[in-house]
N, C-alpha and C. Protein backbone atom coordinates (compact mmCIF):
# COMPACT_ATOMS: atom_id res chain seq x y z
N MET A 1 -3.74 -0.36 -6.83
CA MET A 1 -3.13 -1.00 -5.69
C MET A 1 -1.95 -1.88 -6.13
N ARG A 2 -1.98 -2.30 -7.38
CA ARG A 2 -0.87 -3.12 -7.88
C ARG A 2 0.44 -2.36 -7.80
N HIS A 3 0.41 -1.09 -8.20
CA HIS A 3 1.63 -0.28 -8.19
C HIS A 3 2.13 -0.06 -6.76
N LEU A 4 1.21 0.06 -5.84
CA LEU A 4 1.61 0.22 -4.44
C LEU A 4 2.24 -1.07 -3.91
N GLY A 5 1.69 -2.20 -4.30
CA GLY A 5 2.29 -3.49 -3.94
C GLY A 5 3.69 -3.63 -4.51
N GLU A 6 3.87 -3.17 -5.74
CA GLU A 6 5.20 -3.21 -6.36
C GLU A 6 6.18 -2.31 -5.61
N ALA A 7 5.69 -1.14 -5.17
CA ALA A 7 6.55 -0.24 -4.40
C ALA A 7 6.95 -0.88 -3.08
N LEU A 8 6.01 -1.54 -2.41
CA LEU A 8 6.32 -2.24 -1.16
C LEU A 8 7.34 -3.35 -1.40
N ASP A 9 7.19 -4.07 -2.50
CA ASP A 9 8.13 -5.14 -2.81
C ASP A 9 9.53 -4.59 -3.08
N LYS A 10 9.61 -3.43 -3.72
CA LYS A 10 10.93 -2.81 -3.96
C LYS A 10 11.58 -2.41 -2.63
N VAL A 11 10.78 -1.90 -1.71
CA VAL A 11 11.31 -1.56 -0.39
C VAL A 11 11.82 -2.83 0.30
N ARG A 12 11.06 -3.91 0.19
CA ARG A 12 11.47 -5.19 0.78
C ARG A 12 12.81 -5.65 0.20
N LYS A 13 12.95 -5.55 -1.12
CA LYS A 13 14.20 -5.96 -1.78
C LYS A 13 15.36 -5.07 -1.35
N MET A 14 15.11 -3.77 -1.23
CA MET A 14 16.17 -2.85 -0.81
C MET A 14 16.62 -3.17 0.62
N GLU A 15 15.67 -3.46 1.48
CA GLU A 15 16.01 -3.81 2.86
C GLU A 15 16.77 -5.13 2.92
N TYR A 16 16.36 -6.09 2.11
CA TYR A 16 17.05 -7.38 2.08
C TYR A 16 18.50 -7.20 1.64
N ALA A 17 18.72 -6.34 0.65
CA ALA A 17 20.08 -6.10 0.16
C ALA A 17 20.91 -5.33 1.19
N ARG A 18 20.27 -4.46 1.94
CA ARG A 18 20.97 -3.61 2.90
C ARG A 18 21.39 -4.37 4.16
N LEU A 19 20.58 -5.34 4.56
CA LEU A 19 20.81 -6.04 5.83
C LEU A 19 21.65 -7.30 5.64
N SER A 20 22.08 -7.86 6.76
CA SER A 20 22.81 -9.12 6.71
C SER A 20 22.49 -9.92 7.97
N GLY A 21 22.84 -11.18 7.95
CA GLY A 21 22.69 -12.03 9.13
C GLY A 21 21.26 -12.27 9.54
N LYS A 22 21.03 -12.20 10.84
CA LYS A 22 19.72 -12.52 11.40
C LYS A 22 18.64 -11.54 10.93
N GLU A 23 18.99 -10.25 10.82
CA GLU A 23 18.02 -9.26 10.36
C GLU A 23 17.51 -9.61 8.96
N ARG A 24 18.39 -10.13 8.15
CA ARG A 24 18.03 -10.50 6.78
C ARG A 24 17.12 -11.72 6.76
N SER A 25 17.30 -12.61 7.71
CA SER A 25 16.50 -13.85 7.74
C SER A 25 15.02 -13.57 8.00
N TYR A 26 14.71 -12.46 8.67
CA TYR A 26 13.31 -12.12 8.91
C TYR A 26 12.58 -11.81 7.60
N ILE A 27 13.29 -11.23 6.65
CA ILE A 27 12.69 -10.79 5.39
C ILE A 27 12.57 -11.92 4.39
N LYS A 28 13.51 -12.85 4.43
CA LYS A 28 13.56 -13.93 3.44
C LYS A 28 12.25 -14.74 3.44
N GLY A 29 11.66 -14.88 2.25
CA GLY A 29 10.46 -15.69 2.07
C GLY A 29 9.17 -15.02 2.53
N GLN A 30 9.18 -13.72 2.78
CA GLN A 30 7.99 -13.04 3.30
C GLN A 30 7.32 -12.11 2.29
N LYS A 31 7.65 -12.25 1.02
CA LYS A 31 7.09 -11.36 0.01
C LYS A 31 5.56 -11.36 0.03
N TYR A 32 4.96 -12.52 -0.07
CA TYR A 32 3.51 -12.59 -0.17
C TYR A 32 2.82 -12.32 1.16
N THR A 33 3.53 -12.53 2.25
CA THR A 33 2.99 -12.16 3.56
C THR A 33 2.83 -10.65 3.62
N LEU A 34 3.82 -9.93 3.12
CA LEU A 34 3.76 -8.46 3.10
C LEU A 34 2.71 -7.94 2.13
N LEU A 35 2.60 -8.57 0.98
CA LEU A 35 1.70 -8.06 -0.06
C LEU A 35 0.23 -8.40 0.21
N SER A 36 -0.03 -9.40 1.03
CA SER A 36 -1.41 -9.81 1.31
C SER A 36 -2.08 -8.83 2.27
N ASN A 37 -3.41 -8.75 2.15
CA ASN A 37 -4.17 -8.00 3.15
C ASN A 37 -4.14 -8.78 4.44
N ARG A 38 -4.09 -8.09 5.54
CA ARG A 38 -4.00 -8.74 6.85
C ARG A 38 -5.16 -9.70 7.07
N GLU A 39 -6.36 -9.34 6.61
CA GLU A 39 -7.54 -10.20 6.80
C GLU A 39 -7.42 -11.53 6.08
N ASN A 40 -6.65 -11.57 5.02
CA ASN A 40 -6.51 -12.78 4.21
C ASN A 40 -5.41 -13.72 4.69
N LEU A 41 -4.67 -13.33 5.71
CA LEU A 41 -3.57 -14.16 6.19
C LEU A 41 -4.07 -15.20 7.20
N THR A 42 -3.41 -16.33 7.19
CA THR A 42 -3.68 -17.36 8.20
C THR A 42 -3.09 -16.90 9.53
N LEU A 43 -3.35 -17.64 10.57
CA LEU A 43 -2.79 -17.30 11.88
C LEU A 43 -1.26 -17.30 11.83
N ASP A 44 -0.69 -18.30 11.17
CA ASP A 44 0.78 -18.34 11.03
C ASP A 44 1.29 -17.16 10.22
N GLY A 45 0.54 -16.79 9.18
CA GLY A 45 0.91 -15.64 8.36
C GLY A 45 0.89 -14.35 9.16
N ARG A 46 -0.11 -14.19 10.01
CA ARG A 46 -0.19 -12.99 10.85
C ARG A 46 0.97 -12.93 11.84
N LYS A 47 1.31 -14.09 12.39
CA LYS A 47 2.44 -14.13 13.33
C LYS A 47 3.74 -13.77 12.62
N ALA A 48 3.93 -14.32 11.41
CA ALA A 48 5.14 -14.02 10.63
C ALA A 48 5.19 -12.54 10.27
N LEU A 49 4.03 -11.97 9.90
CA LEU A 49 3.98 -10.55 9.56
C LEU A 49 4.33 -9.69 10.77
N LYS A 50 3.76 -10.02 11.91
CA LYS A 50 4.03 -9.26 13.13
C LYS A 50 5.52 -9.31 13.47
N LYS A 51 6.11 -10.48 13.36
CA LYS A 51 7.54 -10.66 13.65
C LYS A 51 8.39 -9.84 12.68
N LEU A 52 8.03 -9.88 11.40
CA LEU A 52 8.76 -9.13 10.38
C LEU A 52 8.66 -7.63 10.62
N LEU A 53 7.46 -7.14 10.91
CA LEU A 53 7.27 -5.71 11.09
C LEU A 53 7.95 -5.20 12.36
N MET A 54 8.02 -6.05 13.37
CA MET A 54 8.73 -5.66 14.60
C MET A 54 10.24 -5.63 14.37
N ALA A 55 10.73 -6.45 13.46
CA ALA A 55 12.17 -6.56 13.22
C ALA A 55 12.71 -5.47 12.31
N ASN A 56 11.84 -4.87 11.47
CA ASN A 56 12.34 -3.92 10.48
C ASN A 56 11.45 -2.68 10.43
N LYS A 57 11.97 -1.57 10.90
CA LYS A 57 11.19 -0.33 10.99
C LYS A 57 10.77 0.19 9.62
N ARG A 58 11.67 0.14 8.66
CA ARG A 58 11.35 0.68 7.34
C ARG A 58 10.24 -0.13 6.66
N LEU A 59 10.30 -1.45 6.77
CA LEU A 59 9.23 -2.29 6.22
C LEU A 59 7.93 -2.07 6.97
N ASN A 60 8.02 -1.85 8.27
CA ASN A 60 6.83 -1.56 9.06
C ASN A 60 6.15 -0.29 8.55
N THR A 61 6.94 0.75 8.35
CA THR A 61 6.41 2.01 7.85
C THR A 61 5.80 1.83 6.46
N ALA A 62 6.50 1.14 5.58
CA ALA A 62 6.00 0.91 4.22
C ALA A 62 4.70 0.12 4.25
N TYR A 63 4.62 -0.89 5.11
CA TYR A 63 3.41 -1.71 5.21
C TYR A 63 2.23 -0.88 5.72
N LEU A 64 2.46 -0.07 6.74
CA LEU A 64 1.39 0.76 7.29
C LEU A 64 0.90 1.78 6.26
N LEU A 65 1.82 2.33 5.49
CA LEU A 65 1.42 3.26 4.43
C LEU A 65 0.58 2.56 3.36
N LYS A 66 0.95 1.33 3.03
CA LYS A 66 0.17 0.55 2.05
C LYS A 66 -1.24 0.29 2.57
N GLU A 67 -1.33 -0.14 3.82
CA GLU A 67 -2.64 -0.44 4.41
C GLU A 67 -3.50 0.81 4.51
N SER A 68 -2.92 1.93 4.90
CA SER A 68 -3.71 3.15 5.06
C SER A 68 -4.17 3.72 3.72
N PHE A 69 -3.40 3.48 2.66
CA PHE A 69 -3.78 4.04 1.35
C PHE A 69 -5.11 3.49 0.87
N GLY A 70 -5.48 2.30 1.28
CA GLY A 70 -6.75 1.70 0.86
C GLY A 70 -7.96 2.53 1.24
N GLN A 71 -7.82 3.40 2.24
CA GLN A 71 -8.93 4.26 2.65
C GLN A 71 -9.33 5.24 1.55
N LEU A 72 -8.43 5.54 0.65
CA LEU A 72 -8.70 6.51 -0.41
C LEU A 72 -9.98 6.16 -1.17
N TRP A 73 -10.22 4.88 -1.38
CA TRP A 73 -11.36 4.45 -2.20
C TRP A 73 -12.69 4.54 -1.47
N SER A 74 -12.67 4.82 -0.18
CA SER A 74 -13.92 4.86 0.59
C SER A 74 -14.56 6.25 0.61
N TYR A 75 -13.85 7.27 0.17
CA TYR A 75 -14.40 8.63 0.21
C TYR A 75 -15.45 8.82 -0.88
N LYS A 76 -16.45 9.65 -0.55
CA LYS A 76 -17.57 9.85 -1.47
C LYS A 76 -17.49 11.17 -2.24
N THR A 77 -16.51 12.00 -1.93
CA THR A 77 -16.33 13.24 -2.68
C THR A 77 -14.87 13.38 -3.08
N GLY A 78 -14.67 14.05 -4.19
CA GLY A 78 -13.32 14.25 -4.69
C GLY A 78 -12.47 15.09 -3.76
N GLY A 79 -13.10 16.06 -3.11
CA GLY A 79 -12.36 16.93 -2.19
C GLY A 79 -11.77 16.17 -1.02
N TRP A 80 -12.57 15.28 -0.43
CA TRP A 80 -12.08 14.50 0.70
C TRP A 80 -11.03 13.49 0.27
N SER A 81 -11.22 12.89 -0.90
CA SER A 81 -10.21 11.93 -1.36
C SER A 81 -8.89 12.66 -1.64
N ARG A 82 -8.99 13.86 -2.19
CA ARG A 82 -7.79 14.66 -2.47
C ARG A 82 -7.08 15.04 -1.16
N LYS A 83 -7.88 15.45 -0.18
CA LYS A 83 -7.32 15.83 1.12
C LYS A 83 -6.61 14.63 1.77
N PHE A 84 -7.26 13.46 1.68
CA PHE A 84 -6.64 12.25 2.23
C PHE A 84 -5.31 11.97 1.52
N PHE A 85 -5.32 12.04 0.18
CA PHE A 85 -4.09 11.76 -0.56
C PHE A 85 -2.99 12.76 -0.22
N ASP A 86 -3.34 14.03 -0.10
CA ASP A 86 -2.34 15.04 0.26
C ASP A 86 -1.72 14.73 1.63
N ASN A 87 -2.55 14.34 2.59
CA ASN A 87 -2.04 13.98 3.92
C ASN A 87 -1.17 12.72 3.85
N TRP A 88 -1.62 11.75 3.05
CA TRP A 88 -0.85 10.51 2.89
C TRP A 88 0.51 10.81 2.27
N LYS A 89 0.50 11.65 1.25
CA LYS A 89 1.74 12.03 0.56
C LYS A 89 2.66 12.80 1.50
N GLU A 90 2.08 13.65 2.33
CA GLU A 90 2.86 14.41 3.30
C GLU A 90 3.55 13.48 4.30
N SER A 91 2.88 12.39 4.64
CA SER A 91 3.47 11.45 5.60
C SER A 91 4.69 10.72 5.01
N LEU A 92 4.87 10.78 3.71
CA LEU A 92 6.05 10.19 3.06
C LEU A 92 7.30 11.06 3.21
N LYS A 93 7.09 12.30 3.54
CA LYS A 93 8.14 13.31 3.45
C LYS A 93 9.50 12.89 4.03
N TRP A 94 9.54 12.38 5.23
CA TRP A 94 10.81 12.08 5.87
C TRP A 94 11.09 10.59 5.95
N GLN A 95 10.37 9.79 5.20
CA GLN A 95 10.50 8.33 5.31
C GLN A 95 11.62 7.74 4.45
N ARG A 96 12.06 8.47 3.44
CA ARG A 96 13.09 7.99 2.51
C ARG A 96 12.69 6.67 1.84
N LEU A 97 11.48 6.65 1.34
CA LEU A 97 10.98 5.47 0.62
C LEU A 97 10.78 5.87 -0.85
N LYS A 98 11.84 5.82 -1.63
CA LYS A 98 11.81 6.26 -3.03
C LYS A 98 10.71 5.58 -3.85
N PRO A 99 10.51 4.26 -3.74
CA PRO A 99 9.45 3.64 -4.54
C PRO A 99 8.06 4.21 -4.21
N TYR A 100 7.84 4.59 -2.97
CA TYR A 100 6.56 5.19 -2.58
C TYR A 100 6.43 6.60 -3.13
N GLU A 101 7.53 7.32 -3.17
CA GLU A 101 7.51 8.66 -3.73
C GLU A 101 7.17 8.62 -5.22
N LYS A 102 7.72 7.64 -5.94
CA LYS A 102 7.38 7.47 -7.36
C LYS A 102 5.91 7.10 -7.52
N PHE A 103 5.41 6.23 -6.64
CA PHE A 103 3.99 5.86 -6.66
C PHE A 103 3.12 7.10 -6.44
N ALA A 104 3.50 7.94 -5.49
CA ALA A 104 2.73 9.15 -5.20
C ALA A 104 2.71 10.09 -6.40
N GLU A 105 3.83 10.19 -7.11
CA GLU A 105 3.88 11.02 -8.32
C GLU A 105 2.92 10.48 -9.38
N MET A 106 2.86 9.16 -9.53
CA MET A 106 1.95 8.56 -10.50
C MET A 106 0.49 8.84 -10.12
N ILE A 107 0.17 8.70 -8.85
CA ILE A 107 -1.19 8.96 -8.38
C ILE A 107 -1.54 10.43 -8.59
N GLU A 108 -0.57 11.29 -8.36
CA GLU A 108 -0.78 12.73 -8.56
C GLU A 108 -1.22 13.03 -9.99
N LYS A 109 -0.62 12.33 -10.95
CA LYS A 109 -0.98 12.53 -12.36
C LYS A 109 -2.42 12.09 -12.65
N HIS A 110 -2.92 11.14 -11.88
CA HIS A 110 -4.26 10.60 -12.12
C HIS A 110 -5.28 11.07 -11.09
N CYS A 111 -4.94 12.13 -10.38
CA CYS A 111 -5.77 12.58 -9.26
C CYS A 111 -7.17 12.99 -9.71
N ASP A 112 -7.30 13.60 -10.88
CA ASP A 112 -8.63 14.00 -11.35
C ASP A 112 -9.53 12.80 -11.57
N GLY A 113 -9.00 11.75 -12.16
CA GLY A 113 -9.77 10.54 -12.38
C GLY A 113 -10.15 9.86 -11.08
N ILE A 114 -9.25 9.87 -10.13
CA ILE A 114 -9.54 9.27 -8.82
C ILE A 114 -10.62 10.07 -8.11
N ALA A 115 -10.53 11.40 -8.21
CA ALA A 115 -11.55 12.26 -7.59
C ALA A 115 -12.91 12.01 -8.24
N ALA A 116 -12.93 11.82 -9.55
CA ALA A 116 -14.19 11.54 -10.25
C ALA A 116 -14.75 10.20 -9.81
N TYR A 117 -13.89 9.22 -9.57
CA TYR A 117 -14.34 7.90 -9.12
C TYR A 117 -14.98 7.99 -7.73
N SER A 118 -14.56 8.96 -6.94
CA SER A 118 -15.06 9.09 -5.57
C SER A 118 -16.56 9.39 -5.53
N ARG A 119 -17.08 10.02 -6.57
CA ARG A 119 -18.51 10.34 -6.56
C ARG A 119 -19.33 9.06 -6.63
N PRO A 120 -20.35 8.94 -5.79
CA PRO A 120 -21.14 7.69 -5.73
C PRO A 120 -21.75 7.28 -7.07
N GLU A 121 -22.14 8.24 -7.89
CA GLU A 121 -22.77 7.88 -9.17
C GLU A 121 -21.79 7.22 -10.14
N ASN A 122 -20.50 7.35 -9.88
CA ASN A 122 -19.49 6.74 -10.75
C ASN A 122 -19.03 5.37 -10.28
N LYS A 123 -19.50 4.94 -9.13
CA LYS A 123 -19.13 3.63 -8.60
C LYS A 123 -20.17 2.62 -9.05
N VAL A 124 -19.80 1.80 -10.00
CA VAL A 124 -20.71 0.79 -10.54
C VAL A 124 -20.35 -0.55 -9.91
N PRO A 125 -21.35 -1.24 -9.33
CA PRO A 125 -21.05 -2.56 -8.76
C PRO A 125 -20.55 -3.52 -9.83
N LEU A 126 -19.51 -4.27 -9.53
CA LEU A 126 -18.93 -5.18 -10.52
C LEU A 126 -19.90 -6.28 -10.92
N GLY A 127 -20.78 -6.69 -10.02
CA GLY A 127 -21.78 -7.71 -10.36
C GLY A 127 -22.68 -7.23 -11.47
N PHE A 128 -23.04 -5.95 -11.44
CA PHE A 128 -23.87 -5.37 -12.49
C PHE A 128 -23.13 -5.39 -13.82
N VAL A 129 -21.86 -5.03 -13.80
CA VAL A 129 -21.05 -5.01 -15.02
C VAL A 129 -20.93 -6.42 -15.59
N GLU A 130 -20.68 -7.39 -14.72
CA GLU A 130 -20.56 -8.79 -15.18
C GLU A 130 -21.87 -9.27 -15.78
N GLY A 131 -22.99 -8.82 -15.25
CA GLY A 131 -24.30 -9.21 -15.77
C GLY A 131 -24.55 -8.69 -17.17
N LEU A 132 -23.89 -7.59 -17.53
CA LEU A 132 -24.07 -7.01 -18.86
C LEU A 132 -23.34 -7.80 -19.94
N LYS A 133 -22.35 -8.58 -19.56
CA LYS A 133 -21.53 -9.31 -20.54
C LYS A 133 -22.29 -10.41 -21.17
């Protein structure tokens, strides 16, 4: 998820450089608002996020793609996780989000490992791992 956050931040920077005036002011100072999970934001943070996403279509698309990608980790079989990723990657097709395309290429290289992680027997609770230390 770190790489996806970095891709979102690159899109934010590209949009900031592309825009000027009032449109640019919506983006300024909103890095961590964009990178945070919606559940972790305060009421003011949610309002700022909503305002930002309404003001900039490309950032809105990038944010929605970031949020939807988190579903990948909930699948219990490699086939379903692969199908989800293929659909997610297909949704990038006409978006012109180069940082996301690079992220998708990286995930593609690690797809076998991600599919293996999807199997329930490979998901080890972190509390158990910490207890072993």
